[in-house]
Protein backbone atom coordinates (compact mmCIF):
# COMPACT_ATOMS: atom_id res chain seq x y z
CA MET A 1 62.93 -3.13 6.26
CA LYS A 2 62.07 0.19 4.65
CA TYR A 3 58.71 2.05 4.90
CA ARG A 4 58.41 1.96 1.19
CA LEU A 5 58.21 -1.97 1.20
CA LEU A 6 54.63 -1.26 2.04
CA ASP A 7 54.05 0.24 -1.21
CA LEU A 8 54.58 -3.38 -2.71
CA LEU A 9 53.08 -5.69 0.08
CA ALA A 10 49.49 -7.20 0.27
CA CYS A 11 48.05 -9.53 2.68
CA PRO A 12 49.15 -13.02 1.64
CA MET A 13 45.84 -14.38 2.88
CA CYS A 14 43.08 -11.92 1.48
CA ARG A 15 45.21 -9.90 -0.98
CA ASN A 16 44.30 -6.63 0.80
CA PHE A 17 46.35 -3.34 0.15
CA PRO A 18 47.56 -1.32 1.76
CA LEU A 19 48.60 -2.71 4.93
CA GLU A 20 49.22 -1.03 8.25
CA LEU A 21 52.53 -0.46 9.78
CA ILE A 22 53.16 -0.32 13.60
CA VAL A 23 56.71 0.37 14.11
CA ILE A 24 58.28 -0.98 17.32
CA GLU A 25 61.72 -0.22 16.89
CA GLU A 26 63.70 1.72 14.24
CA ARG A 27 67.29 2.93 13.56
CA LYS A 28 68.39 6.07 11.69
CA LEU A 29 70.99 5.55 9.25
CA GLN A 30 73.12 8.16 7.60
CA ARG A 31 71.62 9.96 4.81
CA ARG A 32 71.36 8.01 1.65
CA GLU A 33 71.01 9.28 -2.01
CA LEU A 34 67.66 8.45 -3.49
CA GLY A 35 68.96 7.06 -6.74
CA ARG A 36 65.72 8.17 -8.60
CA GLU A 37 63.10 10.95 -8.50
CA LYS A 38 60.66 11.47 -5.84
CA PRO A 39 58.31 9.90 -4.81
CA LEU A 40 60.01 6.59 -4.35
CA CYS A 41 56.66 5.03 -3.64
CA GLU A 42 53.94 4.76 -6.39
CA LEU A 43 50.80 3.88 -4.59
CA TRP A 44 51.14 4.08 -0.71
CA CYS A 45 53.49 6.19 1.48
CA SER A 46 53.65 4.13 4.57
CA TYR A 47 55.80 6.94 6.19
CA LEU A 48 53.04 9.55 5.87
CA LYS A 49 50.34 7.01 5.86
CA LYS A 50 48.98 8.68 2.59
CA ASP A 51 47.37 7.33 -0.59
CA LEU A 52 49.61 8.48 -3.30
CA SER A 53 47.22 7.27 -6.17
CA LYS A 54 44.54 9.97 -5.08
CA GLU A 55 46.43 12.98 -4.51
CA LYS A 56 49.72 14.75 -5.48
CA ILE A 57 51.75 15.35 -2.15
CA GLU A 58 55.20 16.47 -1.26
CA THR A 59 56.90 13.31 0.12
CA PRO A 60 59.88 13.46 2.45
CA CYS A 61 61.62 10.50 0.64
CA GLU A 62 65.22 11.76 1.80
CA GLU A 63 64.20 11.49 5.50
CA CYS A 64 62.29 8.21 4.94
CA ILE A 65 65.03 6.33 3.11
CA ALA A 66 67.40 6.89 6.15
CA ILE A 67 65.32 4.91 8.52
CA GLU A 68 65.43 1.18 9.03
CA ILE A 69 62.50 -0.54 10.69
CA VAL A 70 64.14 -3.31 12.97
CA THR A 71 60.83 -4.63 14.78
CA ALA A 72 57.20 -3.80 13.67
CA VAL A 73 53.84 -5.19 13.25
CA ILE A 74 52.22 -5.32 9.73
CA ARG A 75 48.50 -5.56 10.06
CA CYS A 76 45.49 -6.25 7.50
CA SER A 77 42.47 -4.15 8.34
CA LYS A 78 40.32 -6.39 6.09
CA CYS A 79 40.89 -9.97 7.56
CA GLY A 80 42.37 -9.00 10.87
CA ARG A 81 45.80 -10.65 10.35
CA TRP A 82 49.07 -9.45 11.59
CA TYR A 83 52.62 -10.36 10.72
CA PRO A 84 55.72 -9.54 12.51
CA ALA A 85 58.82 -7.78 11.18
CA ILE A 86 61.87 -9.26 13.16
CA ASP A 87 65.46 -8.13 12.75
CA GLU A 88 64.41 -5.91 9.68
CA ILE A 89 62.59 -8.74 7.98
CA PRO A 90 58.95 -8.89 7.53
CA ARG A 91 57.37 -12.52 7.95
CA MET A 92 54.50 -12.24 5.64
CA LEU A 93 53.61 -15.97 5.71
CA PRO A 94 50.07 -17.68 5.14
CA ASP A 95 48.68 -19.04 8.32
CA MET A 96 49.55 -22.73 7.59
CA TYR A 97 53.45 -21.76 7.70
CA ARG A 98 53.31 -19.72 10.72
CA ASN A 99 54.83 -20.68 14.02
CA GLU A 100 52.17 -20.46 16.75
CA LYS A 101 54.86 -20.40 19.63
CA GLU A 102 57.22 -17.74 17.98
CA ASP A 103 54.14 -15.53 17.17
CA ARG A 104 52.81 -15.62 20.77
CA ASP A 105 56.33 -14.99 22.21
CA PHE A 106 56.54 -11.99 19.84
CA LEU A 107 53.06 -10.67 21.04
CA GLN A 108 54.16 -11.22 24.79
CA LYS A 109 57.45 -9.57 24.36
CA TYR A 110 56.14 -6.40 22.73
CA ARG A 111 52.67 -6.44 24.38
CA ASP A 112 53.05 -2.81 25.48
CA LYS A 113 53.57 -1.59 21.95
CA ILE A 114 51.04 -3.63 20.08
CA PRO A 115 47.58 -2.37 19.77
CA GLU A 116 45.08 -4.28 22.00
CA ASP A 117 42.87 -5.50 19.33
CA ILE A 118 45.71 -7.50 17.78
CA LEU A 119 46.70 -8.88 21.21
CA LYS A 120 43.11 -10.00 22.03
CA SER A 121 41.73 -10.89 18.65
CA GLY A 122 44.46 -10.73 15.87
CA LYS A 123 44.72 -13.57 13.54
CA PRO A 124 45.77 -16.34 13.33
CA TYR A 125 47.19 -16.12 16.83
CA ASN A 126 46.57 -13.84 19.83
CA LEU A 127 46.85 -13.49 23.63
CA GLY A 128 43.18 -13.45 24.27
């Protein structure tokens, strides 16, 4: 998963944008060619946590595109839901399609790297 994906994702339950990315594990790849002009993201730069629609800023796209996010949590600040990214794949499923055991196991495994509010009161599942 790339940071730039957060420029495209919205919460599947409440449609909130942008979402917050909490990186647990990432790996650096060899430098890659951008393939188009900077900035690669149009509305939200998750790497810098900046709103690109409000201000013109210099973006480090060359640096960002060389990072692969392996494990992360994607959080919606509006409805309090969280979504895991596992093995580079974000699992942005509505509540009815989520697996409670897998979600709780993920929280337990990474409990020291996940914010306390997600662990105690995150939706749809938490460790509280």
